[in-house]
C-alpha atoms as a PDB file:
ATOM      1  CA  MET A   1      33.905 -43.081 -14.374  1.00  0.00           C
ATOM      2  CA  SER A   2      36.046 -43.308 -17.923  1.00  0.00           C
ATOM      3  CA  ALA A   3      39.241 -40.979 -18.628  1.00  0.00           C
ATOM      4  CA  SER A   4      36.078 -39.881 -21.268  1.00  0.00           C
ATOM      5  CA  LYS A   5      33.871 -38.919 -18.673  1.00  0.00           C
ATOM      6  CA  ILE A   6      36.231 -36.933 -16.668  1.00  0.00           C
ATOM      7  CA  THR A   7      37.532 -35.030 -19.633  1.00  0.00           C
ATOM      8  CA  ALA A   8      34.171 -33.816 -20.901  1.00  0.00           C
ATOM      9  CA  LEU A   9      33.394 -32.798 -17.579  1.00  0.00           C
ATOM     10  CA  GLU A  10      36.423 -30.793 -17.151  1.00  0.00           C
ATOM     11  CA  ASN A  11      35.676 -29.592 -20.683  1.00  0.00           C
ATOM     12  CA  ARG A  12      32.484 -28.460 -19.765  1.00  0.00           C
ATOM     13  CA  VAL A  13      33.339 -26.895 -16.293  1.00  0.00           C
ATOM     14  CA  ALA A  14      36.113 -24.468 -18.627  1.00  0.00           C
ATOM     15  CA  GLU A  15      33.300 -23.341 -20.242  1.00  0.00           C
ATOM     16  CA  LEU A  16      31.194 -22.076 -17.377  1.00  0.00           C
ATOM     17  CA  GLU A  17      34.030 -20.586 -15.965  1.00  0.00           C
ATOM     18  CA  LYS A  18      34.562 -18.789 -19.180  1.00  0.00           C
ATOM     19  CA  ARG A  19      30.981 -17.450 -19.666  1.00  0.00           C
ATOM     20  CA  LEU A  20      31.230 -16.673 -16.171  1.00  0.00           C
ATOM     21  CA  THR A  21      33.927 -14.791 -16.555  1.00  0.00           C
ATOM     22  CA  ASP A  22      32.607 -13.184 -20.021  1.00  0.00           C
ATOM     23  CA  MET A  23      29.652 -12.031 -17.477  1.00  0.00           C
ATOM     24  CA  GLU A  24      31.875 -10.574 -15.279  1.00  0.00           C
ATOM     25  CA  LYS A  25      33.439  -8.111 -17.315  1.00  0.00           C
ATOM     26  CA  HIS A  26      30.276  -6.983 -19.305  1.00  0.00           C
ATOM     27  CA  LEU A  27      28.898  -6.508 -16.007  1.00  0.00           C
ATOM     28  CA  ALA A  28      31.782  -4.382 -15.123  1.00  0.00           C
ATOM     29  CA  ASP A  29      31.126  -2.439 -18.269  1.00  0.00           C
ATOM     30  CA  LEU A  30      27.546  -1.595 -17.711  1.00  0.00           C
ATOM     31  CA  ALA A  31      28.796   0.069 -14.490  1.00  0.00           C
ATOM     32  CA  VAL A  32      31.747   1.820 -16.164  1.00  0.00           C
ATOM     33  CA  THR A  33      29.120   3.042 -18.910  1.00  0.00           C
ATOM     34  CA  GLY A  34      26.224   4.141 -15.897  1.00  0.00           C
ATOM     35  CA  VAL A  35      23.826   1.655 -16.615  1.00  0.00           C
ATOM     36  CA  LEU A  36      24.264   0.402 -13.360  1.00  0.00           C
ATOM     37  CA  ASN A  37      24.275   4.084 -11.731  1.00  0.00           C
ATOM     38  CA  LYS A  38      21.100   4.668 -13.741  1.00  0.00           C
ATOM     39  CA  VAL A  39      19.046   2.012 -12.305  1.00  0.00           C
ATOM     40  CA  GLU A  40      20.094   2.385  -8.953  1.00  0.00           C
ATOM     41  CA  THR A  41      18.770   6.056  -9.183  1.00  0.00           C
ATOM     42  CA  ILE A  42      15.198   4.329 -10.498  1.00  0.00           C
ATOM     43  CA  ILE A  43      14.912   1.820  -7.900  1.00  0.00           C
ATOM     44  CA  ASN A  44      15.804   4.843  -5.232  1.00  0.00           C
ATOM     45  CA  ASP A  45      13.567   6.788  -6.639  1.00  0.00           C
ATOM     46  CA  ASN A  46      10.451   4.408  -6.294  1.00  0.00           C
ATOM     47  CA  GLU A  47      11.306   3.453  -3.041  1.00  0.00           C
ATOM     48  CA  LYS A  48      10.682   7.546  -2.033  1.00  0.00           C
ATOM     49  CA  LEU A  49       7.331   7.805  -4.147  1.00  0.00           C
ATOM     50  CA  ASN A  50       6.107   4.426  -2.260  1.00  0.00           C
ATOM     51  CA  ASN A  51       7.610   5.697   1.145  1.00  0.00           C
ATOM     52  CA  LYS A  52       6.171   9.386   0.911  1.00  0.00           C
ATOM     53  CA  ALA A  53       3.766  10.413   3.611  1.00  0.00           C
ATOM     54  CA  LYS A  54       0.046   9.231   3.716  1.00  0.00           C
ATOM     55  CA  ALA A  55      -2.353  11.907   4.301  1.00  0.00           C
ATOM     56  CA  LYS A  56      -5.419  11.076   6.278  1.00  0.00           C
ATOM     57  CA  ARG A  57      -8.445  11.769   4.218  1.00  0.00           C
ATOM     58  CA  GLY A  58     -10.953  14.537   6.180  1.00  0.00           C
ATOM     59  CA  PRO A  59     -14.397  13.560   7.706  1.00  0.00           C
ATOM     60  CA  THR A  60     -17.454  13.261   5.134  1.00  0.00           C
ATOM     61  CA  ALA A  61     -21.582  14.034   6.081  1.00  0.00           C
ATOM     62  CA  TRP A  62     -21.734  10.627   5.962  1.00  0.00           C
ATOM     63  CA  SER A  63     -18.684   9.954   8.601  1.00  0.00           C
ATOM     64  CA  LEU A  64     -20.473  12.697  10.609  1.00  0.00           C
ATOM     65  CA  PHE A  65     -23.732  11.746  10.590  1.00  0.00           C
ATOM     66  CA  LEU A  66     -21.964   8.089  11.728  1.00  0.00           C
ATOM     67  CA  LYS A  67     -20.761   9.925  14.541  1.00  0.00           C
ATOM     68  CA  HIS A  68     -23.701  10.813  15.726  1.00  0.00           C
ATOM     69  CA  VAL A  69     -26.010   7.388  15.490  1.00  0.00           C
ATOM     70  CA  THR A  70     -23.162   6.093  17.512  1.00  0.00           C
ATOM     71  CA  SER A  71     -23.112   8.715  19.876  1.00  0.00           C
ATOM     72  CA  GLU A  72     -26.894   8.800  20.214  1.00  0.00           C
ATOM     73  CA  MET A  73     -26.170   4.230  20.367  1.00  0.00           C
ATOM     74  CA  LYS A  74     -23.979   4.466  23.240  1.00  0.00           C
ATOM     75  CA  ALA A  75     -25.772   6.864  25.339  1.00  0.00           C
ATOM     76  CA  ALA A  76     -29.010   4.567  24.844  1.00  0.00           C
ATOM     77  CA  ASN A  77     -26.649   2.220  26.122  1.00  0.00           C
ATOM     78  CA  PRO A  78     -23.422   3.015  27.654  1.00  0.00           C
ATOM     79  CA  ASP A  79     -22.478  -0.169  29.089  1.00  0.00           C
ATOM     80  CA  GLY A  80     -22.993  -2.626  25.999  1.00  0.00           C
ATOM     81  CA  LYS A  81     -20.135  -2.237  23.440  1.00  0.00           C
ATOM     82  CA  LEU A  82     -21.167  -1.531  20.139  1.00  0.00           C
ATOM     83  CA  LYS A  83     -19.605  -2.949  16.714  1.00  0.00           C
ATOM     84  CA  LEU A  84     -19.303  -1.313  13.418  1.00  0.00           C
ATOM     85  CA  PRO A  85     -21.899  -3.335  12.192  1.00  0.00           C
ATOM     86  CA  GLU A  86     -24.663  -2.789  14.642  1.00  0.00           C
ATOM     87  CA  ILE A  87     -23.756   0.954  14.386  1.00  0.00           C
ATOM     88  CA  SER A  88     -23.899   0.775  10.320  1.00  0.00           C
ATOM     89  CA  ALA A  89     -26.866  -1.180  10.146  1.00  0.00           C
ATOM     90  CA  GLU A  90     -28.903   1.316  12.568  1.00  0.00           C
ATOM     91  CA  ALA A  91     -27.185   4.590  10.367  1.00  0.00           C
ATOM     92  CA  LYS A  92     -29.053   2.538   6.946  1.00  0.00           C
ATOM     93  CA  LYS A  93     -31.919   2.122   8.890  1.00  0.00           C
ATOM     94  CA  ARG A  94     -32.123   5.622  10.104  1.00  0.00           C
ATOM     95  CA  LYS A  95     -30.931   7.196   6.662  1.00  0.00           C
ATOM     96  CA  ASP A  96     -33.937   4.333   4.165  1.00  0.00           C
ATOM     97  CA  SER A  97     -37.062   6.372   6.792  1.00  0.00           C
ATOM     98  CA  GLY A  98     -35.704   9.962   5.503  1.00  0.00           C
ATOM     99  CA  GLY A  99     -33.571  10.830   9.230  1.00  0.00           C
ATOM    100  CA  TYR A 100     -30.175  11.019   6.892  1.00  0.00           C
ATOM    101  CA  ASP A 101     -30.411  14.806   5.893  1.00  0.00           C
ATOM    102  CA  GLU A 102     -27.218  15.599   3.706  1.00  0.00           C
ATOM    103  CA  ALA A 103     -27.311  18.699   3.428  1.00  0.00           C
ATOM    104  CA  HIS A 104     -27.958  18.907   6.811  1.00  0.00           C
ATOM    105  CA  TRP A 105     -24.844  17.142   7.643  1.00  0.00           C
ATOM    106  CA  LYS A 106     -23.077  18.857   4.779  1.00  0.00           C
ATOM    107  CA  ASP A 107     -23.407  22.033   6.473  1.00  0.00           C
ATOM    108  CA  MET A 108     -22.230  20.793   9.438  1.00  0.00           C
ATOM    109  CA  LEU A 109     -19.016  19.574   8.032  1.00  0.00           C
ATOM    110  CA  SER A 110     -18.624  23.003   6.661  1.00  0.00           C
ATOM    111  CA  LYS A 111     -18.967  24.971   9.730  1.00  0.00           C
ATOM    112  CA  LEU A 112     -15.547  22.188  11.241  1.00  0.00           C
ATOM    113  CA  PRO A 113     -12.398  23.844  11.658  1.00  0.00           C
ATOM    114  CA  SER A 114     -10.009  23.159   8.316  1.00  0.00           C
ATOM    115  CA  ALA A 115      -6.969  20.557   9.116  1.00  0.00           C
END
């Protein structure tokens, strides 16, 4: 390598080192003014919001009807394994044929103890 290329590389390294030093000073200034503390607080608050306890939803009239259909299907075939698509198809078939009385299942829902 020629001497001029080495000198150019050394100058570039010196320039980058100076920029790094300036950045470190600027970062220290930000910490002193509290900007980093504010950012850290925002991050912590966001983590707390994302980690809050999830509440399970209560049953609906339709879910009670699905449980009823499931229990009848199990009674009809106690040894068979039921799959959700089968249960859903049977419930939909009953609903379409008029076997789902929403008022009745809402009344049953209102009789359940509150959580």
